[in-house]
Amino acid sequence: MNQEFNIVNGPNRDTLIDAFKYAYSKDGIVSAKFEIALKPPASHLKIKSKDFIITEIQHEDGSGHSFNIGGFCKADMNPLVGIKTYKNYSFTAYYNAKTRKGLITLIK
């Protein structure tokens, strides 16, 4: 089941590239963190997410700031429940490193 969310804050371009570069490195771990939220009208509800591994990155246009990315992460899809239950997801996303916003699809 695929679910689409808004990226409301994320890493800068250099961190994004380094996270891809060191995705499977045992020596250097670069963490790319994305803050994701439900789409309107419930966009004030954030989805807890962590452990993003960037395994795909592609320039979306010629700006140098827009990317199509993919990889794996953990997310808790129940923002209203007090107990965090993280599950593994793969993801695809459009992300603009200049505005630090985009769209992410979590795939179970």
PDB file of N, CA and C in Angstrom:
ATOM      1  N   MET A   1       0.835  -1.173   0.000  1.00  0.00           N
ATOM      2  CA  MET A   1       0.000   0.000   0.000  1.00  0.00           C
ATOM      3  C   MET A   1       0.886   1.244   0.000  1.00  0.00           C
ATOM      4  N   ASN A   2       0.723   2.116  -0.988  1.00  0.00           N
ATOM      5  CA  ASN A   2       1.499   3.340  -1.110  1.00  0.00           C
ATOM      6  C   ASN A   2       0.745   4.504  -0.481  1.00  0.00           C
ATOM      7  N   GLN A   3       1.476   5.360   0.246  1.00  0.00           N
ATOM      8  CA  GLN A   3       0.873   6.550   0.827  1.00  0.00           C
ATOM      9  C   GLN A   3       1.772   7.739   0.549  1.00  0.00           C
ATOM     10  N   GLU A   4       1.163   8.835   0.078  1.00  0.00           N
ATOM     11  CA  GLU A   4       1.919  10.037  -0.268  1.00  0.00           C
ATOM     12  C   GLU A   4       1.785  11.084   0.824  1.00  0.00           C
ATOM     13  N   PHE A   5       2.918  11.743   1.118  1.00  0.00           N
ATOM     14  CA  PHE A   5       2.977  12.768   2.155  1.00  0.00           C
ATOM     15  C   PHE A   5       3.767  13.962   1.633  1.00  0.00           C
ATOM     16  N   ASN A   6       3.643  15.067   2.337  1.00  0.00           N
ATOM     17  CA  ASN A   6       4.445  16.248   2.041  1.00  0.00           C
ATOM     18  C   ASN A   6       5.757  16.176   2.818  1.00  0.00           C
ATOM     19  N   ILE A   7       6.843  16.564   2.169  1.00  0.00           N
ATOM     20  CA  ILE A   7       8.091  16.805   2.883  1.00  0.00           C
ATOM     21  C   ILE A   7       8.052  18.281   3.249  1.00  0.00           C
ATOM     22  N   VAL A   8       8.091  18.580   4.533  1.00  0.00           N
ATOM     23  CA  VAL A   8       7.990  19.971   4.972  1.00  0.00           C
ATOM     24  C   VAL A   8       9.343  20.536   5.401  1.00  0.00           C
ATOM     25  N   ASN A   9      10.334  19.670   5.549  1.00  0.00           N
ATOM     26  CA  ASN A   9      11.687  20.097   5.866  1.00  0.00           C
ATOM     27  C   ASN A   9      12.619  18.923   5.596  1.00  0.00           C
ATOM     28  N   GLY A  10      13.790  19.213   5.086  1.00  0.00           N
ATOM     29  CA  GLY A  10      14.733  18.147   4.785  1.00  0.00           C
ATOM     30  C   GLY A  10      16.150  18.668   4.715  1.00  0.00           C
ATOM     31  N   PRO A  11      17.073  17.826   4.249  1.00  0.00           N
ATOM     32  CA  PRO A  11      18.488  18.191   4.246  1.00  0.00           C
ATOM     33  C   PRO A  11      18.848  19.145   3.112  1.00  0.00           C
ATOM     34  N   ASN A  12      20.012  19.781   3.247  1.00  0.00           N
ATOM     35  CA  ASN A  12      20.513  20.595   2.147  1.00  0.00           C
ATOM     36  C   ASN A  12      21.085  19.668   1.070  1.00  0.00           C
ATOM     37  N   ARG A  13      21.460  20.234  -0.048  1.00  0.00           N
ATOM     38  CA  ARG A  13      21.932  19.453  -1.191  1.00  0.00           C
ATOM     39  C   ARG A  13      23.180  18.638  -0.844  1.00  0.00           C
ATOM     40  N   ASP A  14      24.130  19.237  -0.143  1.00  0.00           N
ATOM     41  CA  ASP A  14      25.367  18.532   0.191  1.00  0.00           C
ATOM     42  C   ASP A  14      25.102  17.316   1.080  1.00  0.00           C
ATOM     43  N   THR A  15      24.243  17.472   2.068  1.00  0.00           N
ATOM     44  CA  THR A  15      23.912  16.343   2.942  1.00  0.00           C
ATOM     45  C   THR A  15      23.207  15.253   2.159  1.00  0.00           C
ATOM     46  N   LEU A  16      22.322  15.628   1.253  1.00  0.00           N
ATOM     47  CA  LEU A  16      21.617  14.655   0.421  1.00  0.00           C
ATOM     48  C   LEU A  16      22.600  13.837  -0.416  1.00  0.00           C
ATOM     49  N   ILE A  17      23.553  14.509  -1.067  1.00  0.00           N
ATOM     50  CA  ILE A  17      24.548  13.825  -1.889  1.00  0.00           C
ATOM     51  C   ILE A  17      25.444  12.947  -1.023  1.00  0.00           C
ATOM     52  N   ASP A  18      25.874  13.446   0.130  1.00  0.00           N
ATOM     53  CA  ASP A  18      26.723  12.649   1.018  1.00  0.00           C
ATOM     54  C   ASP A  18      25.982  11.435   1.568  1.00  0.00           C
ATOM     55  N   ALA A  19      24.691  11.587   1.869  1.00  0.00           N
ATOM     56  CA  ALA A  19      23.904  10.449   2.356  1.00  0.00           C
ATOM     57  C   ALA A  19      23.839   9.361   1.291  1.00  0.00           C
ATOM     58  N   PHE A  20      23.711   9.756   0.022  1.00  0.00           N
ATOM     59  CA  PHE A  20      23.729   8.790  -1.072  1.00  0.00           C
ATOM     60  C   PHE A  20      25.115   8.153  -1.189  1.00  0.00           C
ATOM     61  N   LYS A  21      26.133   8.978  -1.128  1.00  0.00           N
ATOM     62  CA  LYS A  21      27.519   8.520  -1.275  1.00  0.00           C
ATOM     63  C   LYS A  21      27.885   7.480  -0.213  1.00  0.00           C
ATOM     64  N   TYR A  22      27.430   7.680   1.009  1.00  0.00           N
ATOM     65  CA  TYR A  22      27.790   6.800   2.119  1.00  0.00           C
ATOM     66  C   TYR A  22      26.639   5.904   2.577  1.00  0.00           C
ATOM     67  N   ALA A  23      25.684   5.641   1.708  1.00  0.00           N
ATOM     68  CA  ALA A  23      24.493   4.867   2.092  1.00  0.00           C
ATOM     69  C   ALA A  23      24.833   3.521   2.704  1.00  0.00           C
ATOM     70  N   TYR A  24      25.841   2.856   2.198  1.00  0.00           N
ATOM     71  CA  TYR A  24      26.187   1.526   2.695  1.00  0.00           C
ATOM     72  C   TYR A  24      27.579   1.477   3.310  1.00  0.00           C
ATOM     73  N   SER A  25      28.115   2.616   3.679  1.00  0.00           N
ATOM     74  CA  SER A  25      29.438   2.673   4.281  1.00  0.00           C
ATOM     75  C   SER A  25      29.374   2.251   5.743  1.00  0.00           C
ATOM     76  N   LYS A  26      30.345   1.481   6.159  1.00  0.00           N
ATOM     77  CA  LYS A  26      30.428   1.084   7.573  1.00  0.00           C
ATOM     78  C   LYS A  26      31.217   2.123   8.365  1.00  0.00           C
ATOM     79  N   ASP A  27      32.052   2.913   7.663  1.00  0.00           N
ATOM     80  CA  ASP A  27      32.923   3.878   8.336  1.00  0.00           C
ATOM     81  C   ASP A  27      32.261   5.235   8.541  1.00  0.00           C
ATOM     82  N   GLY A  28      31.677   5.772   7.485  1.00  0.00           N
ATOM     83  CA  GLY A  28      31.089   7.102   7.573  1.00  0.00           C
ATOM     84  C   GLY A  28      29.590   7.040   7.374  1.00  0.00           C
ATOM     85  N   ILE A  29      28.846   7.455   8.362  1.00  0.00           N
ATOM     86  CA  ILE A  29      27.388   7.456   8.259  1.00  0.00           C
ATOM     87  C   ILE A  29      26.934   8.911   8.171  1.00  0.00           C
ATOM     88  N   VAL A  30      26.233   9.223   7.095  1.00  0.00           N
ATOM     89  CA  VAL A  30      25.660  10.556   6.929  1.00  0.00           C
ATOM     90  C   VAL A  30      24.154  10.397   6.955  1.00  0.00           C
ATOM     91  N   SER A  31      23.531  11.049   7.901  1.00  0.00           N
ATOM     92  CA  SER A  31      22.096  10.903   8.088  1.00  0.00           C
ATOM     93  C   SER A  31      21.339  12.002   7.355  1.00  0.00           C
ATOM     94  N   ALA A  32      20.453  11.602   6.455  1.00  0.00           N
ATOM     95  CA  ALA A  32      19.544  12.545   5.799  1.00  0.00           C
ATOM     96  C   ALA A  32      18.219  12.455   6.541  1.00  0.00           C
ATOM     97  N   LYS A  33      17.785  13.551   7.113  1.00  0.00           N
ATOM     98  CA  LYS A  33      16.539  13.568   7.878  1.00  0.00           C
ATOM     99  C   LYS A  33      15.486  14.349   7.119  1.00  0.00           C
ATOM    100  N   PHE A  34      14.302  13.763   7.026  1.00  0.00           N
ATOM    101  CA  PHE A  34      13.173  14.409   6.371  1.00  0.00           C
ATOM    102  C   PHE A  34      12.028  14.509   7.361  1.00  0.00           C
ATOM    103  N   GLU A  35      11.432  15.679   7.461  1.00  0.00           N
ATOM    104  CA  GLU A  35      10.221  15.863   8.266  1.00  0.00           C
ATOM    105  C   GLU A  35       9.051  15.752   7.300  1.00  0.00           C
ATOM    106  N   ILE A  36       8.177  14.766   7.558  1.00  0.00           N
ATOM    107  CA  ILE A  36       7.055  14.546   6.646  1.00  0.00           C
ATOM    108  C   ILE A  36       5.738  14.725   7.385  1.00  0.00           C
ATOM    109  N   ALA A  37       4.738  15.170   6.640  1.00  0.00           N
ATOM    110  CA  ALA A  37       3.438  15.496   7.234  1.00  0.00           C
ATOM    111  C   ALA A  37       2.324  14.995   6.337  1.00  0.00           C
ATOM    112  N   LEU A  38       1.175  14.798   6.942  1.00  0.00           N
ATOM    113  CA  LEU A  38      -0.012  14.441   6.177  1.00  0.00           C
ATOM    114  C   LEU A  38      -0.330  15.585   5.216  1.00  0.00           C
ATOM    115  N   LYS A  39      -1.042  15.261   4.152  1.00  0.00           N
ATOM    116  CA  LYS A  39      -1.445  16.288   3.192  1.00  0.00           C
ATOM    117  C   LYS A  39      -2.642  17.058   3.759  1.00  0.00           C
ATOM    118  N   PRO A  40      -2.890  18.284   3.261  1.00  0.00           N
ATOM    119  CA  PRO A  40      -4.038  19.064   3.737  1.00  0.00           C
ATOM    120  C   PRO A  40      -5.334  18.270   3.621  1.00  0.00           C
ATOM    121  N   PRO A  41      -6.265  18.421   4.514  1.00  0.00           N
ATOM    122  CA  PRO A  41      -6.361  19.452   5.544  1.00  0.00           C
ATOM    123  C   PRO A  41      -5.689  19.071   6.863  1.00  0.00           C
ATOM    124  N   ALA A  42      -5.041  17.928   6.957  1.00  0.00           N
ATOM    125  CA  ALA A  42      -4.425  17.489   8.218  1.00  0.00           C
ATOM    126  C   ALA A  42      -2.913  17.679   8.193  1.00  0.00           C
ATOM    127  N   SER A  43      -2.427  18.698   7.491  1.00  0.00           N
ATOM    128  CA  SER A  43      -0.991  18.875   7.304  1.00  0.00           C
ATOM    129  C   SER A  43      -0.256  19.258   8.587  1.00  0.00           C
ATOM    130  N   HIS A  44      -0.984  19.570   9.652  1.00  0.00           N
ATOM    131  CA  HIS A  44      -0.349  19.873  10.932  1.00  0.00           C
ATOM    132  C   HIS A  44       0.123  18.593  11.630  1.00  0.00           C
ATOM    133  N   LEU A  45      -0.322  17.424  11.155  1.00  0.00           N
ATOM    134  CA  LEU A  45       0.077  16.152  11.763  1.00  0.00           C
ATOM    135  C   LEU A  45       1.337  15.630  11.085  1.00  0.00           C
ATOM    136  N   LYS A  46       2.386  15.461  11.875  1.00  0.00           N
ATOM    137  CA  LYS A  46       3.659  14.970  11.364  1.00  0.00           C
ATOM    138  C   LYS A  46       3.732  13.452  11.515  1.00  0.00           C
ATOM    139  N   ILE A  47       4.373  12.819  10.546  1.00  0.00           N
ATOM    140  CA  ILE A  47       4.631  11.380  10.588  1.00  0.00           C
ATOM    141  C   ILE A  47       6.042  11.196  11.126  1.00  0.00           C
ATOM    142  N   LYS A  48       6.193  10.420  12.176  1.00  0.00           N
ATOM    143  CA  LYS A  48       7.516  10.150  12.730  1.00  0.00           C
ATOM    144  C   LYS A  48       8.273   9.254  11.756  1.00  0.00           C
ATOM    145  N   SER A  49       9.493   9.654  11.411  1.00  0.00           N
ATOM    146  CA  SER A  49      10.303   8.876  10.478  1.00  0.00           C
ATOM    147  C   SER A  49      11.762   8.964  10.901  1.00  0.00           C
ATOM    148  N   LYS A  50      12.539   7.948  10.484  1.00  0.00           N
ATOM    149  CA  LYS A  50      13.958   7.921  10.846  1.00  0.00           C
ATOM    150  C   LYS A  50      14.703   6.947   9.930  1.00  0.00           C
ATOM    151  N   ASP A  51      15.998   6.925  10.073  1.00  0.00           N
ATOM    152  CA  ASP A  51      16.881   5.967   9.402  1.00  0.00           C
ATOM    153  C   ASP A  51      16.724   5.974   7.883  1.00  0.00           C
ATOM    154  N   PHE A  52      16.758   7.151   7.276  1.00  0.00           N
ATOM    155  CA  PHE A  52      16.667   7.256   5.820  1.00  0.00           C
ATOM    156  C   PHE A  52      17.973   6.803   5.183  1.00  0.00           C
ATOM    157  N   ILE A  53      17.876   5.891   4.229  1.00  0.00           N
ATOM    158  CA  ILE A  53      19.011   5.453   3.423  1.00  0.00           C
ATOM    159  C   ILE A  53      18.697   5.840   1.979  1.00  0.00           C
ATOM    160  N   ILE A  54      19.508   6.718   1.417  1.00  0.00           N
ATOM    161  CA  ILE A  54      19.311   7.194   0.050  1.00  0.00           C
ATOM    162  C   ILE A  54      20.072   6.261  -0.893  1.00  0.00           C
ATOM    163  N   THR A  55      19.350   5.526  -1.739  1.00  0.00           N
ATOM    164  CA  THR A  55      19.998   4.587  -2.662  1.00  0.00           C
ATOM    165  C   THR A  55      19.875   5.014  -4.118  1.00  0.00           C
ATOM    166  N   GLU A  56      19.041   6.001  -4.381  1.00  0.00           N
ATOM    167  CA  GLU A  56      18.857   6.512  -5.751  1.00  0.00           C
ATOM    168  C   GLU A  56      18.780   8.033  -5.689  1.00  0.00           C
ATOM    169  N   ILE A  57      19.429   8.669  -6.657  1.00  0.00           N
ATOM    170  CA  ILE A  57      19.328  10.123  -6.750  1.00  0.00           C
ATOM    171  C   ILE A  57      19.468  10.516  -8.215  1.00  0.00           C
ATOM    172  N   GLN A  58      18.615  11.429  -8.638  1.00  0.00           N
ATOM    173  CA  GLN A  58      18.582  11.854 -10.034  1.00  0.00           C
ATOM    174  C   GLN A  58      18.225  13.337 -10.067  1.00  0.00           C
ATOM    175  N   HIS A  59      18.921  14.105 -10.913  1.00  0.00           N
ATOM    176  CA  HIS A  59      18.515  15.503 -11.110  1.00  0.00           C
ATOM    177  C   HIS A  59      17.158  15.516 -11.793  1.00  0.00           C
ATOM    178  N   GLU A  60      16.240  16.291 -11.243  1.00  0.00           N
ATOM    179  CA  GLU A  60      14.890  16.366 -11.801  1.00  0.00           C
ATOM    180  C   GLU A  60      14.822  17.385 -12.929  1.00  0.00           C
ATOM    181  N   ASP A  61      15.598  18.441 -12.805  1.00  0.00           N
ATOM    182  CA  ASP A  61      15.662  19.460 -13.852  1.00  0.00           C
ATOM    183  C   ASP A  61      17.082  20.027 -13.881  1.00  0.00           C
ATOM    184  N   GLY A  62      17.293  21.106 -14.539  1.00  0.00           N
ATOM    185  CA  GLY A  62      18.630  21.671 -14.655  1.00  0.00           C
ATOM    186  C   GLY A  62      18.992  22.679 -13.579  1.00  0.00           C
ATOM    187  N   SER A  63      18.187  22.813 -12.555  1.00  0.00           N
ATOM    188  CA  SER A  63      18.417  23.829 -11.534  1.00  0.00           C
ATOM    189  C   SER A  63      19.550  23.474 -10.577  1.00  0.00           C
ATOM    190  N   GLY A  64      19.820  22.187 -10.414  1.00  0.00           N
ATOM    191  CA  GLY A  64      20.810  21.756  -9.435  1.00  0.00           C
ATOM    192  C   GLY A  64      20.258  21.619  -8.027  1.00  0.00           C
ATOM    193  N   HIS A  65      18.958  21.886  -7.874  1.00  0.00           N
ATOM    194  CA  HIS A  65      18.330  21.801  -6.550  1.00  0.00           C
ATOM    195  C   HIS A  65      17.183  20.795  -6.494  1.00  0.00           C
ATOM    196  N   SER A  66      16.640  20.403  -7.630  1.00  0.00           N
ATOM    197  CA  SER A  66      15.481  19.503  -7.672  1.00  0.00           C
ATOM    198  C   SER A  66      15.943  18.079  -7.976  1.00  0.00           C
ATOM    199  N   PHE A  67      15.499  17.144  -7.148  1.00  0.00           N
ATOM    200  CA  PHE A  67      15.948  15.764  -7.272  1.00  0.00           C
ATOM    201  C   PHE A  67      14.784  14.782  -7.185  1.00  0.00           C
ATOM    202  N   ASN A  68      14.929  13.674  -7.874  1.00  0.00           N
ATOM    203  CA  ASN A  68      14.114  12.488  -7.653  1.00  0.00           C
ATOM    204  C   ASN A  68      14.999  11.558  -6.839  1.00  0.00           C
ATOM    205  N   ILE A  69      14.504  11.124  -5.695  1.00  0.00           N
ATOM    206  CA  ILE A  69      15.314  10.265  -4.829  1.00  0.00           C
ATOM    207  C   ILE A  69      14.530   9.025  -4.447  1.00  0.00           C
ATOM    208  N   GLY A  70      15.231   8.029  -3.989  1.00  0.00           N
ATOM    209  CA  GLY A  70      14.599   6.796  -3.534  1.00  0.00           C
ATOM    210  C   GLY A  70      15.473   6.129  -2.496  1.00  0.00           C
ATOM    211  N   GLY A  71      14.887   5.192  -1.781  1.00  0.00           N
ATOM    212  CA  GLY A  71      15.641   4.476  -0.768  1.00  0.00           C
ATOM    213  C   GLY A  71      14.736   3.784   0.219  1.00  0.00           C
ATOM    214  N   PHE A  72      15.198   3.755   1.461  1.00  0.00           N
ATOM    215  CA  PHE A  72      14.511   3.042   2.534  1.00  0.00           C
ATOM    216  C   PHE A  72      14.475   3.906   3.790  1.00  0.00           C
ATOM    217  N   CYS A  73      13.463   3.681   4.612  1.00  0.00           N
ATOM    218  CA  CYS A  73      13.359   4.395   5.881  1.00  0.00           C
ATOM    219  C   CYS A  73      12.460   3.608   6.827  1.00  0.00           C
ATOM    220  N   LYS A  74      12.329   4.138   8.023  1.00  0.00           N
ATOM    221  CA  LYS A  74      11.375   3.617   8.998  1.00  0.00           C
ATOM    222  C   LYS A  74      10.402   4.737   9.319  1.00  0.00           C
ATOM    223  N   ALA A  75       9.127   4.386   9.468  1.00  0.00           N
ATOM    224  CA  ALA A  75       8.116   5.403   9.766  1.00  0.00           C
ATOM    225  C   ALA A  75       7.034   4.830  10.666  1.00  0.00           C
ATOM    226  N   ASP A  76       6.452   5.711  11.463  1.00  0.00           N
ATOM    227  CA  ASP A  76       5.309   5.386  12.314  1.00  0.00           C
ATOM    228  C   ASP A  76       4.099   6.079  11.687  1.00  0.00           C
ATOM    229  N   MET A  77       3.211   5.302  11.099  1.00  0.00           N
ATOM    230  CA  MET A  77       2.081   5.854  10.344  1.00  0.00           C
ATOM    231  C   MET A  77       0.896   6.245  11.228  1.00  0.00           C
ATOM    232  N   ASN A  78       1.020   6.149  12.536  1.00  0.00           N
ATOM    233  CA  ASN A  78      -0.070   6.509  13.439  1.00  0.00           C
ATOM    234  C   ASN A  78       0.338   7.713  14.283  1.00  0.00           C
ATOM    235  N   PRO A  79       0.237   8.939  13.731  1.00  0.00           N
ATOM    236  CA  PRO A  79       0.721  10.107  14.464  1.00  0.00           C
ATOM    237  C   PRO A  79      -0.071  10.429  15.723  1.00  0.00           C
ATOM    238  N   LEU A  80      -1.274   9.907  15.850  1.00  0.00           N
ATOM    239  CA  LEU A  80      -2.103  10.226  17.015  1.00  0.00           C
ATOM    240  C   LEU A  80      -1.900   9.263  18.182  1.00  0.00           C
ATOM    241  N   VAL A  81      -1.272   8.121  17.925  1.00  0.00           N
ATOM    242  CA  VAL A  81      -1.051   7.128  18.976  1.00  0.00           C
ATOM    243  C   VAL A  81       0.230   7.481  19.713  1.00  0.00           C
ATOM    244  N   GLY A  82       0.201   7.409  21.046  1.00  0.00           N
ATOM    245  CA  GLY A  82       1.353   7.783  21.858  1.00  0.00           C
ATOM    246  C   GLY A  82       2.537   6.842  21.742  1.00  0.00           C
ATOM    247  N   ILE A  83       2.301   5.580  21.454  1.00  0.00           N
ATOM    248  CA  ILE A  83       3.377   4.597  21.339  1.00  0.00           C
ATOM    249  C   ILE A  83       3.883   4.590  19.903  1.00  0.00           C
ATOM    250  N   LYS A  84       5.184   4.782  19.731  1.00  0.00           N
ATOM    251  CA  LYS A  84       5.759   4.785  18.384  1.00  0.00           C
ATOM    252  C   LYS A  84       5.993   3.360  17.918  1.00  0.00           C
ATOM    253  N   THR A  85       5.467   3.037  16.753  1.00  0.00           N
ATOM    254  CA  THR A  85       5.648   1.728  16.130  1.00  0.00           C
ATOM    255  C   THR A  85       6.228   1.951  14.744  1.00  0.00           C
ATOM    256  N   TYR A  86       7.551   1.889  14.661  1.00  0.00           N
ATOM    257  CA  TYR A  86       8.220   2.109  13.383  1.00  0.00           C
ATOM    258  C   TYR A  86       8.211   0.834  12.551  1.00  0.00           C
ATOM    259  N   LYS A  87       7.901   0.996  11.263  1.00  0.00           N
ATOM    260  CA  LYS A  87       7.942  -0.110  10.314  1.00  0.00           C
ATOM    261  C   LYS A  87       8.840   0.292   9.151  1.00  0.00           C
ATOM    262  N   ASN A  88       9.367  -0.708   8.467  1.00  0.00           N
ATOM    263  CA  ASN A  88      10.253  -0.470   7.329  1.00  0.00           C
ATOM    264  C   ASN A  88       9.450  -0.161   6.069  1.00  0.00           C
ATOM    265  N   TYR A  89       9.919   0.825   5.322  1.00  0.00           N
ATOM    266  CA  TYR A  89       9.301   1.224   4.055  1.00  0.00           C
ATOM    267  C   TYR A  89      10.392   1.510   3.041  1.00  0.00           C
ATOM    268  N   SER A  90      10.076   1.300   1.783  1.00  0.00           N
ATOM    269  CA  SER A  90      10.885   1.895   0.728  1.00  0.00           C
ATOM    270  C   SER A  90      10.174   3.194   0.362  1.00  0.00           C
ATOM    271  N   PHE A  91      10.890   4.088  -0.303  1.00  0.00           N
ATOM    272  CA  PHE A  91      10.256   5.351  -0.657  1.00  0.00           C
ATOM    273  C   PHE A  91      10.788   5.872  -1.985  1.00  0.00           C
ATOM    274  N   THR A  92       9.966   6.683  -2.619  1.00  0.00           N
ATOM    275  CA  THR A  92      10.371   7.510  -3.751  1.00  0.00           C
ATOM    276  C   THR A  92       9.942   8.928  -3.395  1.00  0.00           C
ATOM    277  N   ALA A  93      10.678   9.904  -3.897  1.00  0.00           N
ATOM    278  CA  ALA A  93      10.343  11.278  -3.545  1.00  0.00           C
ATOM    279  C   ALA A  93      10.826  12.247  -4.614  1.00  0.00           C
ATOM    280  N   TYR A  94      10.094  13.329  -4.724  1.00  0.00           N
ATOM    281  CA  TYR A  94      10.588  14.518  -5.414  1.00  0.00           C
ATOM    282  C   TYR A  94      10.984  15.468  -4.295  1.00  0.00           C
ATOM    283  N   TYR A  95      12.185  16.031  -4.384  1.00  0.00           N
ATOM    284  CA  TYR A  95      12.660  16.901  -3.313  1.00  0.00           C
ATOM    285  C   TYR A  95      13.416  18.092  -3.885  1.00  0.00           C
ATOM    286  N   ASN A  96      13.107  19.281  -3.381  1.00  0.00           N
ATOM    287  CA  ASN A  96      13.808  20.498  -3.762  1.00  0.00           C
ATOM    288  C   ASN A  96      14.698  20.899  -2.586  1.00  0.00           C
ATOM    289  N   ALA A  97      16.007  20.781  -2.770  1.00  0.00           N
ATOM    290  CA  ALA A  97      16.947  21.068  -1.690  1.00  0.00           C
ATOM    291  C   ALA A  97      17.053  22.561  -1.382  1.00  0.00           C
ATOM    292  N   LYS A  98      16.619  23.408  -2.290  1.00  0.00           N
ATOM    293  CA  LYS A  98      16.646  24.852  -2.037  1.00  0.00           C
ATOM    294  C   LYS A  98      15.500  25.264  -1.108  1.00  0.00           C
ATOM    295  N   THR A  99      14.288  24.790  -1.406  1.00  0.00           N
ATOM    296  CA  THR A  99      13.136  25.114  -0.560  1.00  0.00           C
ATOM    297  C   THR A  99      12.986  24.138   0.605  1.00  0.00           C
ATOM    298  N   ARG A 100      13.668  22.992   0.488  1.00  0.00           N
ATOM    299  CA  ARG A 100      13.613  21.906   1.477  1.00  0.00           C
ATOM    300  C   ARG A 100      12.205  21.348   1.640  1.00  0.00           C
ATOM    301  N   LYS A 101      11.500  21.293   0.516  1.00  0.00           N
ATOM    302  CA  LYS A 101      10.144  20.756   0.485  1.00  0.00           C
ATOM    303  C   LYS A 101      10.018  19.769  -0.668  1.00  0.00           C
ATOM    304  N   GLY A 102       8.987  18.938  -0.614  1.00  0.00           N
ATOM    305  CA  GLY A 102       8.747  18.003  -1.701  1.00  0.00           C
ATOM    306  C   GLY A 102       7.593  17.073  -1.389  1.00  0.00           C
ATOM    307  N   LEU A 103       7.546  15.981  -2.134  1.00  0.00           N
ATOM    308  CA  LEU A 103       6.536  14.943  -1.943  1.00  0.00           C
ATOM    309  C   LEU A 103       7.247  13.604  -1.788  1.00  0.00           C
ATOM    310  N   ILE A 104       6.768  12.788  -0.874  1.00  0.00           N
ATOM    311  CA  ILE A 104       7.361  11.483  -0.640  1.00  0.00           C
ATOM    312  C   ILE A 104       6.257  10.423  -0.656  1.00  0.00           C
ATOM    313  N   THR A 105       6.528   9.306  -1.281  1.00  0.00           N
ATOM    314  CA  THR A 105       5.617   8.173  -1.276  1.00  0.00           C
ATOM    315  C   THR A 105       6.277   7.035  -0.516  1.00  0.00           C
ATOM    316  N   LEU A 106       5.638   6.615   0.571  1.00  0.00           N
ATOM    317  CA  LEU A 106       6.115   5.466   1.347  1.00  0.00           C
ATOM    318  C   LEU A 106       5.452   4.218   0.799  1.00  0.00           C
ATOM    319  N   ILE A 107       6.258   3.201   0.566  1.00  0.00           N
ATOM    320  CA  ILE A 107       5.793   1.971  -0.079  1.00  0.00           C
ATOM    321  C   ILE A 107       6.038   0.811   0.875  1.00  0.00           C
ATOM    322  N   LYS A 108       4.974   0.098   1.191  1.00  0.00           N
ATOM    323  CA  LYS A 108       5.067  -1.056   2.095  1.00  0.00           C
ATOM    324  C   LYS A 108       5.395  -2.287   1.322  1.00  0.00           C
TER     325      LYS A 108
END
